[in-house]
Protein backbone atom coordinates (compact mmCIF):
# COMPACT_ATOMS: atom_id res chain seq x y z
CA MET A 1 31.09 -6.23 1.65
CA ALA A 2 31.41 -4.21 -1.54
CA ASP A 3 34.74 -2.91 -2.71
CA TRP A 4 34.01 0.77 -2.08
CA LYS A 5 36.20 2.67 0.36
CA THR A 6 35.21 4.69 3.42
CA LEU A 7 36.70 7.74 5.11
CA ASP A 8 38.76 5.35 7.24
CA ASP A 9 40.66 4.27 4.11
CA MET A 10 41.71 7.79 3.11
CA ASP A 11 44.51 10.09 4.30
CA LEU A 12 42.74 13.43 4.49
CA THR A 13 45.47 15.53 6.07
CA GLY A 14 45.61 18.87 4.27
CA GLN A 15 43.35 17.55 1.50
CA ARG A 16 40.44 19.32 -0.15
CA VAL A 17 37.58 16.83 0.16
CA LEU A 18 34.71 17.26 -2.28
CA VAL A 19 31.65 15.94 -0.44
CA ARG A 20 28.48 15.25 -2.42
CA VAL A 21 25.64 15.73 0.05
CA ASP A 22 21.88 16.07 -0.28
CA LEU A 23 20.73 19.48 0.90
CA ASN A 24 17.52 19.35 -1.13
CA VAL A 25 15.49 20.04 2.00
CA PRO A 26 11.96 21.42 2.39
CA VAL A 27 11.86 25.20 2.78
CA ASP A 28 9.11 27.63 3.71
CA GLY A 29 10.23 30.99 2.37
CA THR A 30 13.67 31.41 3.88
CA THR A 31 13.36 28.76 6.59
CA VAL A 32 14.29 25.09 6.40
CA THR A 33 11.28 23.20 7.78
CA ASP A 34 12.88 19.74 8.12
CA THR A 35 16.59 19.43 8.93
CA THR A 36 16.78 15.62 8.79
CA ARG A 37 19.02 15.51 5.72
CA ILE A 38 21.27 18.21 7.15
CA ASP A 39 21.57 16.46 10.49
CA ARG A 40 22.53 13.18 8.80
CA ILE A 41 25.59 14.62 7.02
CA VAL A 42 27.08 16.20 10.15
CA PRO A 43 29.10 13.08 11.16
CA THR A 44 30.83 12.98 7.76
CA ILE A 45 31.76 16.65 7.84
CA ARG A 46 33.04 16.45 11.41
CA ASP A 47 35.10 13.33 10.63
CA ILE A 48 36.73 15.04 7.66
CA LEU A 49 37.62 18.03 9.82
CA ALA A 50 38.96 15.78 12.57
CA LYS A 51 41.17 14.00 10.03
CA GLY A 52 42.64 17.30 8.83
CA GLY A 53 40.64 17.64 5.64
CA LYS A 54 38.79 20.63 4.20
CA PRO A 55 35.17 19.73 3.35
CA ILE A 56 33.81 21.32 0.18
CA LEU A 57 30.11 20.53 -0.08
CA LEU A 58 28.34 19.92 -3.39
CA SER A 59 24.57 19.59 -3.62
CA HIS A 60 21.56 20.22 -5.82
CA PHE A 61 18.49 22.11 -4.65
CA GLY A 62 15.19 21.96 -6.46
CA ARG A 63 14.91 21.64 -10.23
CA PRO A 64 16.33 24.77 -11.85
CA LYS A 65 16.87 22.84 -15.11
CA GLY A 66 20.30 24.22 -15.86
CA GLN A 67 19.40 27.85 -15.19
CA VAL A 68 20.39 30.19 -12.37
CA VAL A 69 17.20 30.54 -10.34
CA PRO A 70 17.76 32.82 -7.32
CA GLU A 71 14.88 31.20 -5.41
CA MET A 72 16.76 27.88 -5.63
CA SER A 73 20.07 29.14 -4.27
CA LEU A 74 21.64 26.98 -1.58
CA ARG A 75 22.15 30.13 0.48
CA VAL A 76 18.78 29.37 2.05
CA VAL A 77 20.17 26.29 3.83
CA LEU A 78 23.22 28.08 5.29
CA PRO A 79 21.66 29.06 8.67
CA ALA A 80 20.39 25.51 9.29
CA LEU A 81 23.68 23.97 8.16
CA GLU A 82 25.70 26.28 10.39
CA ALA A 83 23.41 25.54 13.33
CA ALA A 84 23.82 21.80 12.82
CA LEU A 85 27.61 22.04 12.58
CA GLY A 86 28.01 24.69 15.25
CA GLN A 87 30.30 26.78 13.04
CA THR A 88 30.35 29.24 10.17
CA VAL A 89 30.17 27.84 6.65
CA ALA A 90 31.72 29.71 3.72
CA PHE A 91 29.47 30.03 0.66
CA VAL A 92 30.96 30.14 -2.85
CA GLU A 93 29.04 30.87 -6.03
CA ARG A 94 31.94 30.45 -8.46
CA PRO A 95 34.48 28.10 -6.89
CA ASN A 96 38.19 28.17 -7.70
CA GLY A 97 40.40 25.21 -6.82
CA ASP A 98 43.42 27.28 -5.81
CA GLU A 99 41.36 29.54 -3.58
CA LEU A 100 39.75 26.56 -1.89
CA ALA A 101 43.19 25.08 -1.27
CA ASN A 102 44.22 28.22 0.61
CA THR A 103 41.30 28.36 3.02
CA PRO A 104 42.23 28.08 6.71
CA ASP A 105 42.18 24.69 8.40
CA GLY A 106 38.76 23.90 9.82
CA THR A 107 36.91 25.70 7.02
CA VAL A 108 33.71 24.18 5.66
CA THR A 109 32.71 25.47 2.22
CA LEU A 110 29.34 25.16 0.49
CA VAL A 111 29.29 25.51 -3.30
CA GLU A 112 26.24 26.92 -5.07
CA ASN A 113 23.55 24.62 -6.52
CA THR A 114 25.18 22.16 -8.94
CA ARG A 115 22.04 22.11 -11.08
CA PHE A 116 22.45 25.77 -11.97
CA SER A 117 24.62 24.30 -14.75
CA ALA A 118 22.93 22.28 -17.50
CA MET A 119 26.09 20.14 -17.61
CA GLU A 120 25.34 18.62 -14.19
CA GLU A 121 22.39 16.43 -15.13
CA LYS A 122 23.97 15.59 -18.49
CA ASN A 123 27.01 14.24 -16.63
CA ASP A 124 29.12 16.37 -18.95
CA PRO A 125 32.83 15.39 -18.78
CA GLN A 126 33.78 19.06 -18.80
CA MET A 127 31.85 19.73 -15.61
CA ALA A 128 33.19 16.56 -14.01
CA GLN A 129 36.74 17.74 -14.80
CA PHE A 130 35.96 21.17 -13.35
CA LEU A 131 34.61 19.68 -10.15
CA ALA A 132 37.65 17.41 -9.89
CA SER A 133 39.87 20.51 -10.07
CA LEU A 134 38.28 21.77 -6.86
CA GLY A 135 39.37 18.86 -4.69
CA ASP A 136 41.94 16.19 -3.99
CA ILE A 137 39.53 13.48 -2.76
CA TYR A 138 35.89 12.81 -3.56
CA CYS A 139 33.46 11.63 -0.88
CA ASN A 140 29.88 10.72 -1.74
CA ASP A 141 27.52 11.06 1.21
CA ALA A 142 24.33 11.38 -0.85
CA PHE A 143 22.91 7.91 -1.34
CA SER A 144 19.60 9.64 -2.10
CA ALA A 145 21.15 10.97 -5.34
CA ALA A 146 23.20 7.86 -6.15
CA HIS A 147 20.64 6.59 -8.66
CA ARG A 148 21.41 9.63 -10.86
CA ALA A 149 24.42 9.57 -13.20
CA HIS A 150 25.25 13.27 -12.83
CA ALA A 151 28.58 15.06 -12.94
CA SER A 152 28.64 15.52 -9.15
CA THR A 153 27.50 11.97 -8.34
CA GLU A 154 29.16 9.80 -10.97
CA GLY A 155 31.47 11.71 -13.30
CA VAL A 156 33.77 13.28 -10.72
CA ALA A 157 33.95 10.04 -8.70
CA ARG A 158 35.88 8.45 -11.57
CA LEU A 159 38.44 11.26 -11.66
CA LEU A 160 39.53 11.45 -8.02
CA PRO A 161 40.35 8.96 -5.25
CA SER A 162 36.84 8.30 -3.95
CA CYS A 163 35.07 6.99 -0.87
CA ALA A 164 31.70 6.80 0.83
CA GLY A 165 30.78 9.22 3.59
CA ARG A 166 29.34 8.04 6.90
CA LEU A 167 25.71 8.33 5.79
CA MET A 168 26.40 6.54 2.50
CA GLU A 169 28.38 3.89 4.37
CA ALA A 170 25.55 3.30 6.84
CA GLU A 171 22.98 3.16 4.05
CA LEU A 172 24.93 0.66 1.95
CA ASN A 173 25.73 -1.53 4.94
CA ALA A 174 22.07 -1.57 5.98
CA LEU A 175 20.82 -2.40 2.50
CA GLU A 176 23.42 -5.11 1.98
CA ALA A 177 22.44 -6.63 5.33
CA ALA A 178 18.79 -6.51 4.33
CA LEU A 179 18.96 -7.89 0.80
CA THR A 180 22.44 -8.96 -0.29
CA SER A 181 23.41 -11.15 2.66
CA PRO A 182 20.42 -11.16 5.04
CA GLN A 183 19.76 -13.21 8.13
CA ARG A 184 16.84 -15.51 7.32
CA PRO A 185 13.92 -15.87 7.33
CA LEU A 186 13.72 -12.65 5.27
CA GLY A 187 10.44 -10.83 4.78
CA ALA A 188 9.17 -7.59 3.30
CA VAL A 189 6.14 -5.39 3.77
CA VAL A 190 5.30 -3.69 0.47
CA GLY A 191 2.35 -1.33 0.42
CA GLY A 192 1.21 1.90 -1.12
CA ALA A 193 -1.39 2.91 -3.62
CA LYS A 194 -0.39 1.35 -6.92
CA VAL A 195 1.16 -1.85 -8.24
CA SER A 196 2.39 0.09 -11.29
CA THR A 197 5.00 1.93 -9.19
CA LYS A 198 6.24 -1.27 -7.53
CA ILE A 199 6.32 -3.86 -10.36
CA ALA A 200 10.12 -4.01 -10.61
CA LEU A 201 10.41 -4.09 -6.83
CA LEU A 202 7.99 -6.99 -6.47
CA GLU A 203 9.53 -8.93 -9.36
CA ASN A 204 12.97 -8.64 -7.77
CA LEU A 205 11.90 -9.37 -4.21
CA VAL A 206 9.84 -12.52 -4.77
CA GLY A 207 12.99 -14.38 -5.84
CA LYS A 208 14.83 -13.35 -2.66
CA LEU A 209 12.23 -13.37 0.12
CA ASP A 210 10.73 -16.00 2.38
CA LEU A 211 7.68 -13.83 3.06
CA LEU A 212 6.04 -10.96 1.15
CA VAL A 213 3.25 -8.96 2.80
CA ILE A 214 1.28 -6.94 0.24
CA GLY A 215 -0.92 -4.15 1.57
CA GLY A 216 -2.41 -0.77 0.83
CA GLY A 217 -4.28 0.07 -2.34
CA MET A 218 -2.01 -2.19 -4.36
CA ALA A 219 -3.38 -5.22 -2.50
CA ASN A 220 -6.78 -4.47 -4.09
CA THR A 221 -5.31 -5.11 -7.53
CA PHE A 222 -4.07 -8.53 -6.41
CA LEU A 223 -7.44 -9.36 -4.86
CA ALA A 224 -9.29 -8.26 -8.00
CA ALA A 225 -6.88 -10.30 -10.13
CA GLN A 226 -8.04 -13.37 -8.19
CA GLY A 227 -11.70 -12.62 -8.87
CA ALA A 228 -12.80 -10.34 -6.04
CA GLN A 229 -15.18 -7.48 -6.84
CA VAL A 230 -13.61 -4.58 -4.94
CA GLY A 231 -16.26 -1.94 -5.63
CA ALA A 232 -14.92 1.62 -5.69
CA SER A 233 -11.58 0.62 -4.14
CA LEU A 234 -8.44 1.90 -5.81
CA GLN A 235 -7.14 -0.82 -8.14
CA GLU A 236 -5.46 -1.17 -11.54
CA ALA A 237 -7.52 -3.43 -13.79
CA ASP A 238 -4.88 -3.36 -16.53
CA LEU A 239 -2.38 -4.99 -14.18
CA HIS A 240 -4.33 -8.10 -13.23
CA ASP A 241 -2.14 -10.29 -15.47
CA THR A 242 0.96 -8.73 -13.89
CA ALA A 243 -0.37 -9.40 -10.40
CA ARG A 244 -1.08 -13.04 -11.24
CA ALA A 245 2.39 -13.40 -12.76
CA ILE A 246 4.00 -12.02 -9.58
CA LEU A 247 2.00 -14.45 -7.43
CA LYS A 248 3.06 -17.35 -9.70
CA ALA A 249 6.73 -16.26 -9.55
CA ALA A 250 6.51 -16.12 -5.76
CA GLU A 251 5.01 -19.60 -5.63
CA ASP A 252 7.75 -20.96 -7.91
CA ALA A 253 10.42 -19.33 -5.72
CA GLY A 254 8.96 -20.61 -2.46
CA CYS A 255 8.05 -17.11 -1.26
CA GLN A 256 4.92 -16.96 0.88
CA VAL A 257 2.63 -14.07 -0.10
CA LEU A 258 0.31 -12.65 2.55
CA LEU A 259 -2.61 -10.64 1.13
CA PRO A 260 -5.37 -9.10 3.28
CA VAL A 261 -7.95 -11.65 4.40
CA ASP A 262 -10.25 -8.94 5.70
CA GLY A 263 -10.54 -5.20 5.30
CA ARG A 264 -12.08 -2.07 6.74
CA VAL A 265 -14.59 -0.95 4.12
CA ALA A 266 -16.22 2.50 3.94
CA THR A 267 -18.27 4.56 1.50
CA GLU A 268 -16.31 7.78 2.03
CA PHE A 269 -12.62 8.58 2.17
CA ALA A 270 -12.57 10.72 5.31
CA ALA A 271 -11.21 10.69 8.83
CA GLY A 272 -13.65 9.10 11.23
CA ALA A 273 -15.79 7.63 8.44
CA ALA A 274 -18.09 4.79 9.39
CA TYR A 275 -16.84 1.41 8.21
CA GLU A 276 -17.54 -2.29 8.36
CA THR A 277 -15.09 -5.17 8.44
CA VAL A 278 -15.48 -7.44 5.44
CA ALA A 279 -13.85 -10.79 4.66
CA LEU A 280 -11.68 -10.56 1.53
CA THR A 281 -11.56 -13.60 -0.73
CA ALA A 282 -11.81 -14.35 -4.43
CA GLU A 283 -15.60 -14.43 -3.92
CA THR A 284 -15.88 -10.99 -2.27
CA GLN A 285 -18.58 -8.79 -3.83
CA LEU A 286 -18.39 -5.15 -2.71
CA GLY A 287 -20.98 -2.59 -3.78
CA ASP A 288 -20.26 0.17 -6.29
CA GLY A 289 -19.65 2.79 -3.59
CA GLN A 290 -17.65 0.65 -1.18
CA MET A 291 -13.90 1.11 -0.71
CA ILE A 292 -11.29 -1.01 1.08
CA LEU A 293 -9.31 1.60 3.05
CA ASP A 294 -7.35 -0.59 5.45
CA ALA A 295 -6.60 -4.19 6.30
CA GLY A 296 -8.83 -5.71 8.98
CA PRO A 297 -8.07 -7.19 12.40
CA GLU A 298 -7.56 -10.77 11.17
CA THR A 299 -4.99 -9.51 8.67
CA GLU A 300 -3.32 -7.44 11.38
CA SER A 301 -2.99 -10.53 13.56
CA ALA A 302 -1.61 -12.62 10.68
CA ILE A 303 0.96 -9.97 9.79
CA GLU A 304 2.11 -9.66 13.41
CA THR A 305 2.48 -13.45 13.66
CA GLU A 306 4.50 -13.65 10.44
CA ILE A 307 6.78 -10.73 11.37
CA ALA A 308 7.56 -12.50 14.64
CA SER A 309 8.90 -15.46 12.64
CA LEU A 310 11.46 -13.35 10.74
CA LYS A 311 15.10 -12.45 11.31
CA THR A 312 15.14 -9.59 8.77
CA LEU A 313 12.33 -7.29 7.61
CA ILE A 314 12.31 -4.75 4.77
CA TRP A 315 9.48 -2.21 4.72
CA ASN A 316 8.32 0.01 1.85
CA GLY A 317 4.82 1.44 1.86
CA PRO A 318 1.83 1.61 4.25
CA LEU A 319 -0.88 -1.04 4.64
CA GLY A 320 -3.83 1.34 4.33
CA ALA A 321 -4.89 4.98 4.30
CA PHE A 322 -2.72 5.64 7.35
CA GLU A 323 -3.17 9.42 7.13
CA ILE A 324 -6.80 9.20 8.22
CA PRO A 325 -7.91 7.28 11.32
CA PRO A 326 -9.42 4.75 11.76
CA PHE A 327 -7.79 3.49 8.54
CA ASP A 328 -4.32 3.73 10.06
CA SER A 329 -4.89 0.70 12.26
CA ALA A 330 -3.07 -2.04 10.30
CA THR A 331 -0.05 0.13 9.51
CA MET A 332 0.28 1.28 13.12
CA ALA A 333 -0.12 -2.24 14.53
CA ALA A 334 2.43 -3.80 12.18
CA ALA A 335 4.90 -0.94 12.68
CA LYS A 336 4.70 -1.21 16.46
CA THR A 337 5.16 -4.97 16.29
CA ALA A 338 8.23 -4.59 14.07
CA GLY A 339 9.66 -1.90 16.30
CA ARG A 340 9.11 -3.95 19.45
CA LEU A 341 10.68 -7.08 17.94
CA THR A 342 13.67 -5.05 16.79
CA GLN A 343 14.26 -3.88 20.35
CA GLU A 344 13.40 -7.11 22.17
CA ALA A 345 14.26 -9.95 19.79
CA GLY A 346 17.00 -8.57 17.53
CA LEU A 347 14.85 -8.40 14.38
CA ILE A 348 16.77 -6.49 11.69
CA THR A 349 14.41 -3.84 10.27
CA VAL A 350 15.25 -1.65 7.29
CA ALA A 351 12.67 0.79 5.94
CA GLY A 352 12.53 3.49 3.29
CA GLY A 353 10.22 5.67 1.22
CA GLY A 354 8.48 8.94 2.07
CA ASP A 355 5.12 7.49 3.15
CA THR A 356 6.89 4.72 5.04
CA VAL A 357 8.97 7.15 7.06
CA ALA A 358 5.88 9.26 7.78
CA ALA A 359 3.96 6.18 8.92
CA LEU A 360 6.75 4.98 11.19
CA ASN A 361 7.05 8.45 12.69
CA GLN A 362 3.29 8.46 13.27
CA ALA A 363 3.55 5.09 15.00
CA GLY A 364 6.37 6.44 17.18
CA VAL A 365 8.77 3.64 16.25
CA SER A 366 11.29 5.35 13.97
CA ASP A 367 13.94 5.18 16.67
CA HIS A 368 13.27 1.47 17.18
CA PHE A 369 14.03 0.32 13.62
CA THR A 370 17.54 -0.83 12.73
CA TYR A 371 17.80 1.62 9.85
CA ILE A 372 15.45 4.04 8.11
CA SER A 373 16.54 5.33 4.72
CA SER A 374 15.72 8.89 3.70
CA ALA A 375 16.82 8.18 0.13
CA GLY A 376 13.47 7.75 -1.61
CA GLY A 377 14.06 6.81 -5.24
CA ALA A 378 17.55 5.43 -4.67
CA PHE A 379 16.25 3.14 -1.91
CA LEU A 380 13.54 1.84 -4.23
CA GLU A 381 15.92 1.27 -7.15
CA TRP A 382 18.36 -0.62 -4.91
CA MET A 383 15.50 -2.84 -3.78
CA GLU A 384 14.56 -3.34 -7.42
CA GLY A 385 18.03 -4.80 -7.99
CA LYS A 386 19.23 -1.96 -10.19
CA GLU A 387 22.82 -0.76 -10.30
CA LEU A 388 23.12 2.75 -8.88
CA PRO A 389 25.62 4.86 -10.87
CA GLY A 390 26.83 6.78 -7.82
CA VAL A 391 27.61 3.56 -5.97
CA ALA A 392 29.12 1.81 -9.01
CA ALA A 393 31.47 4.75 -9.51
CA LEU A 394 32.77 4.41 -5.95
CA SER A 395 33.41 0.70 -6.49
CA ALA A 396 35.29 1.45 -9.70
CA SER A 397 37.52 4.16 -8.24
């Protein structure tokens, strides 16, 4: 367990509690189209209220680049936030610490977009001091922004007694259980389009895992690095040496790597496209117009068998072009197996990343996984073994 504090460690009675949340939600005009991030901060806000504190919410929204952009005002999230909390939320454009101290008990306050100030992303000490003047206690409930050293995520945390909110606490506990002190055997499914976006992740994981399943377009690069001719399949020829180095590092560390042994191959990237199942080896010779769009049935079976041998599974990235059937087959099969084993056999499953969440939702197993992170970049950087400034600041407070 890290040395960061939680809400249970703080006396919040009568205290102004600055809560860094992530309200950077998708919006269509004036309507929030996905309230997931809002729903996930409700437990923290309600706990603060129950403990006698006054929540003052800080968040960014969009990328205004230090300018006041009316279309990026946090006012747009107010109706959805109030609906989630079941109460009115006060909105403040220019906050004043004394005024916030005098708000009635039970008040929830939302401060305007922190990125309207250029000092936010620069982690300017002056802005950190200003934010600190607004509260008595700092609570970070935005793991999704913890990989950014901004005034509202890192600077202010070092100036006030600080703790993790319920969402941050759950996220950190899940990630520590998955990677820092996991139940073994420990495996990971890493997929997606490109190796180039996952190099640091793979390099960190192979020294920690018992099993690494590589899928999606990135698997094509590994296959090509071993000599396969993958036709028109997405692959990164300039990363063949990197792929071979990762496989060698895995071998040296005793980490089993499972690459596709067969694939669904088509000549067009389209839903319902005709395909054939082709064995994938170092000797594979695909034609110029052929593309590997999904792992094949033998690979599906091998993945399901290996997942069943694990105690802990980390998942980041799909195993094929899951958006277009029939090339969603391997991702759906593996996801359903992981979800079932979580429910029936106590497998610990932790997943994160936008495409991963979408795939698990599509498979109907999101509620079956132990924990699904909505943090995106912060989830990936944690898995890469990087120190997250927002988390480090909590540990130092």
